[in-house]
Amino acid sequence: MLLSVVNLIAVLAVMALGYWGLIKVGAWYLDTEEQQVRDGVKDPRTAILPVLDKQR
């Protein structure tokens, strides 16, 4: 019984870390997407977020 509870907790912890990792990587990718478009690395037509030209 105790082993089942420990296994369940371990599985939930691994799933939570995996989910957190996906969120973290996704946020990092979207954070750098604008700079990738400006550098010419990424095609602006495939950008997830709109890239606006800054008025100076």
N, C-alpha and C. Protein backbone atom coordinates (compact mmCIF):
# COMPACT_ATOMS: atom_id res chain seq x y z
N MET A 1 0.83 -1.20 0.00
CA MET A 1 0.00 0.00 0.00
C MET A 1 0.87 1.26 0.00
N LEU A 2 1.84 1.28 0.90
CA LEU A 2 2.72 2.44 0.99
C LEU A 2 3.54 2.61 -0.28
N LEU A 3 3.97 1.49 -0.86
CA LEU A 3 4.73 1.55 -2.10
C LEU A 3 3.90 2.11 -3.24
N SER A 4 2.62 1.79 -3.27
CA SER A 4 1.73 2.32 -4.30
C SER A 4 1.58 3.84 -4.16
N VAL A 5 1.48 4.32 -2.95
CA VAL A 5 1.35 5.75 -2.70
C VAL A 5 2.63 6.47 -3.12
N VAL A 6 3.78 5.89 -2.79
CA VAL A 6 5.06 6.49 -3.16
C VAL A 6 5.20 6.51 -4.68
N ASN A 7 4.81 5.43 -5.34
CA ASN A 7 4.87 5.39 -6.80
C ASN A 7 3.95 6.43 -7.42
N LEU A 8 2.77 6.60 -6.89
CA LEU A 8 1.83 7.59 -7.39
C LEU A 8 2.40 9.00 -7.23
N ILE A 9 2.98 9.27 -6.09
CA ILE A 9 3.58 10.58 -5.85
C ILE A 9 4.74 10.82 -6.82
N ALA A 10 5.54 9.79 -7.04
CA ALA A 10 6.68 9.91 -7.97
C ALA A 10 6.19 10.17 -9.39
N VAL A 11 5.16 9.48 -9.81
CA VAL A 11 4.61 9.67 -11.15
C VAL A 11 4.05 11.09 -11.30
N LEU A 12 3.33 11.55 -10.32
CA LEU A 12 2.78 12.90 -10.37
C LEU A 12 3.89 13.96 -10.38
N ALA A 13 4.96 13.72 -9.64
CA ALA A 13 6.07 14.66 -9.62
C ALA A 13 6.76 14.72 -10.98
N VAL A 14 6.96 13.57 -11.60
CA VAL A 14 7.60 13.54 -12.92
C VAL A 14 6.71 14.21 -13.95
N MET A 15 5.42 13.98 -13.89
CA MET A 15 4.48 14.62 -14.83
C MET A 15 4.47 16.14 -14.63
N ALA A 16 4.49 16.58 -13.38
CA ALA A 16 4.48 18.02 -13.10
C ALA A 16 5.77 18.67 -13.60
N LEU A 17 6.91 18.01 -13.40
CA LEU A 17 8.17 18.57 -13.91
C LEU A 17 8.19 18.61 -15.43
N GLY A 18 7.65 17.59 -16.06
CA GLY A 18 7.58 17.59 -17.52
C GLY A 18 6.70 18.71 -18.05
N TYR A 19 5.55 18.90 -17.43
CA TYR A 19 4.64 19.96 -17.82
C TYR A 19 5.28 21.33 -17.60
N TRP A 20 5.95 21.51 -16.47
CA TRP A 20 6.63 22.78 -16.18
C TRP A 20 7.71 23.03 -17.21
N GLY A 21 8.44 21.99 -17.60
CA GLY A 21 9.47 22.13 -18.61
C GLY A 21 8.91 22.56 -19.95
N LEU A 22 7.77 21.99 -20.34
CA LEU A 22 7.14 22.38 -21.60
C LEU A 22 6.73 23.85 -21.58
N ILE A 23 6.16 24.28 -20.48
CA ILE A 23 5.75 25.68 -20.35
C ILE A 23 6.98 26.59 -20.41
N LYS A 24 8.03 26.22 -19.72
CA LYS A 24 9.25 27.04 -19.67
C LYS A 24 9.89 27.15 -21.06
N VAL A 25 10.00 26.04 -21.76
CA VAL A 25 10.60 26.05 -23.10
C VAL A 25 9.72 26.83 -24.07
N GLY A 26 8.41 26.66 -23.99
CA GLY A 26 7.49 27.41 -24.86
C GLY A 26 7.58 28.90 -24.63
N ALA A 27 7.67 29.29 -23.38
CA ALA A 27 7.78 30.72 -23.06
C ALA A 27 9.12 31.27 -23.56
N TRP A 28 10.19 30.49 -23.44
CA TRP A 28 11.50 30.95 -23.92
C TRP A 28 11.47 31.11 -25.43
N TYR A 29 10.84 30.16 -26.12
CA TYR A 29 10.79 30.22 -27.58
C TYR A 29 10.01 31.46 -28.03
N LEU A 30 8.85 31.70 -27.42
CA LEU A 30 8.06 32.86 -27.81
C LEU A 30 8.74 34.17 -27.43
N ASP A 31 9.52 34.14 -26.37
CA ASP A 31 10.22 35.34 -25.93
C ASP A 31 11.30 35.74 -26.95
N THR A 32 11.94 34.77 -27.58
CA THR A 32 13.01 35.05 -28.54
C THR A 32 12.52 35.11 -29.98
N GLU A 33 11.24 34.86 -30.20
CA GLU A 33 10.73 34.80 -31.56
C GLU A 33 10.86 36.15 -32.29
N GLU A 34 10.56 37.23 -31.61
CA GLU A 34 10.65 38.55 -32.24
C GLU A 34 12.08 38.83 -32.72
N GLN A 35 13.06 38.50 -31.89
CA GLN A 35 14.45 38.73 -32.27
C GLN A 35 14.85 37.81 -33.43
N GLN A 36 14.32 36.59 -33.45
CA GLN A 36 14.62 35.67 -34.55
C GLN A 36 14.08 36.22 -35.87
N VAL A 37 12.89 36.82 -35.84
CA VAL A 37 12.32 37.40 -37.06
C VAL A 37 13.17 38.59 -37.50
N ARG A 38 13.55 39.44 -36.55
CA ARG A 38 14.34 40.62 -36.89
C ARG A 38 15.73 40.24 -37.43
N ASP A 39 16.30 39.15 -36.94
CA ASP A 39 17.62 38.70 -37.41
C ASP A 39 17.53 37.95 -38.73
N GLY A 40 16.33 37.63 -39.18
CA GLY A 40 16.16 36.90 -40.43
C GLY A 40 16.26 35.40 -40.29
N VAL A 41 16.29 34.90 -39.05
CA VAL A 41 16.38 33.47 -38.82
C VAL A 41 15.02 32.81 -39.06
N LYS A 42 13.96 33.49 -38.67
CA LYS A 42 12.61 32.94 -38.77
C LYS A 42 11.80 33.77 -39.76
N ASP A 43 10.99 33.08 -40.55
CA ASP A 43 10.13 33.73 -41.52
C ASP A 43 8.98 34.44 -40.78
N PRO A 44 8.76 35.73 -41.02
CA PRO A 44 7.70 36.45 -40.29
C PRO A 44 6.31 35.87 -40.56
N ARG A 45 6.12 35.22 -41.68
CA ARG A 45 4.80 34.65 -41.98
C ARG A 45 4.48 33.45 -41.10
N THR A 46 5.48 32.82 -40.52
CA THR A 46 5.24 31.66 -39.66
C THR A 46 5.34 32.00 -38.18
N ALA A 47 5.52 33.27 -37.86
CA ALA A 47 5.63 33.67 -36.45
C ALA A 47 4.29 33.49 -35.75
N ILE A 48 4.35 33.01 -34.52
CA ILE A 48 3.13 32.81 -33.73
C ILE A 48 2.61 34.15 -33.23
N LEU A 49 3.51 35.00 -32.77
CA LEU A 49 3.13 36.32 -32.28
C LEU A 49 3.41 37.36 -33.35
N PRO A 50 2.58 38.38 -33.47
CA PRO A 50 2.87 39.42 -34.47
C PRO A 50 4.11 40.21 -34.09
N VAL A 51 4.92 40.53 -35.08
CA VAL A 51 6.13 41.33 -34.86
C VAL A 51 5.85 42.72 -35.44
N LEU A 52 5.80 43.70 -34.56
CA LEU A 52 5.49 45.06 -34.97
C LEU A 52 6.77 45.87 -35.11
N ASP A 53 6.82 46.71 -36.13
CA ASP A 53 7.95 47.62 -36.27
C ASP A 53 7.82 48.72 -35.24
N LYS A 54 8.91 49.00 -34.56
CA LYS A 54 8.90 50.03 -33.52
C LYS A 54 9.04 51.40 -34.16
N GLN A 55 8.17 52.31 -33.78
CA GLN A 55 8.23 53.67 -34.29
C GLN A 55 9.32 54.42 -33.52
N ARG A 56 10.17 55.12 -34.26
CA ARG A 56 11.24 55.87 -33.58
C ARG A 56 11.02 57.33 -33.72
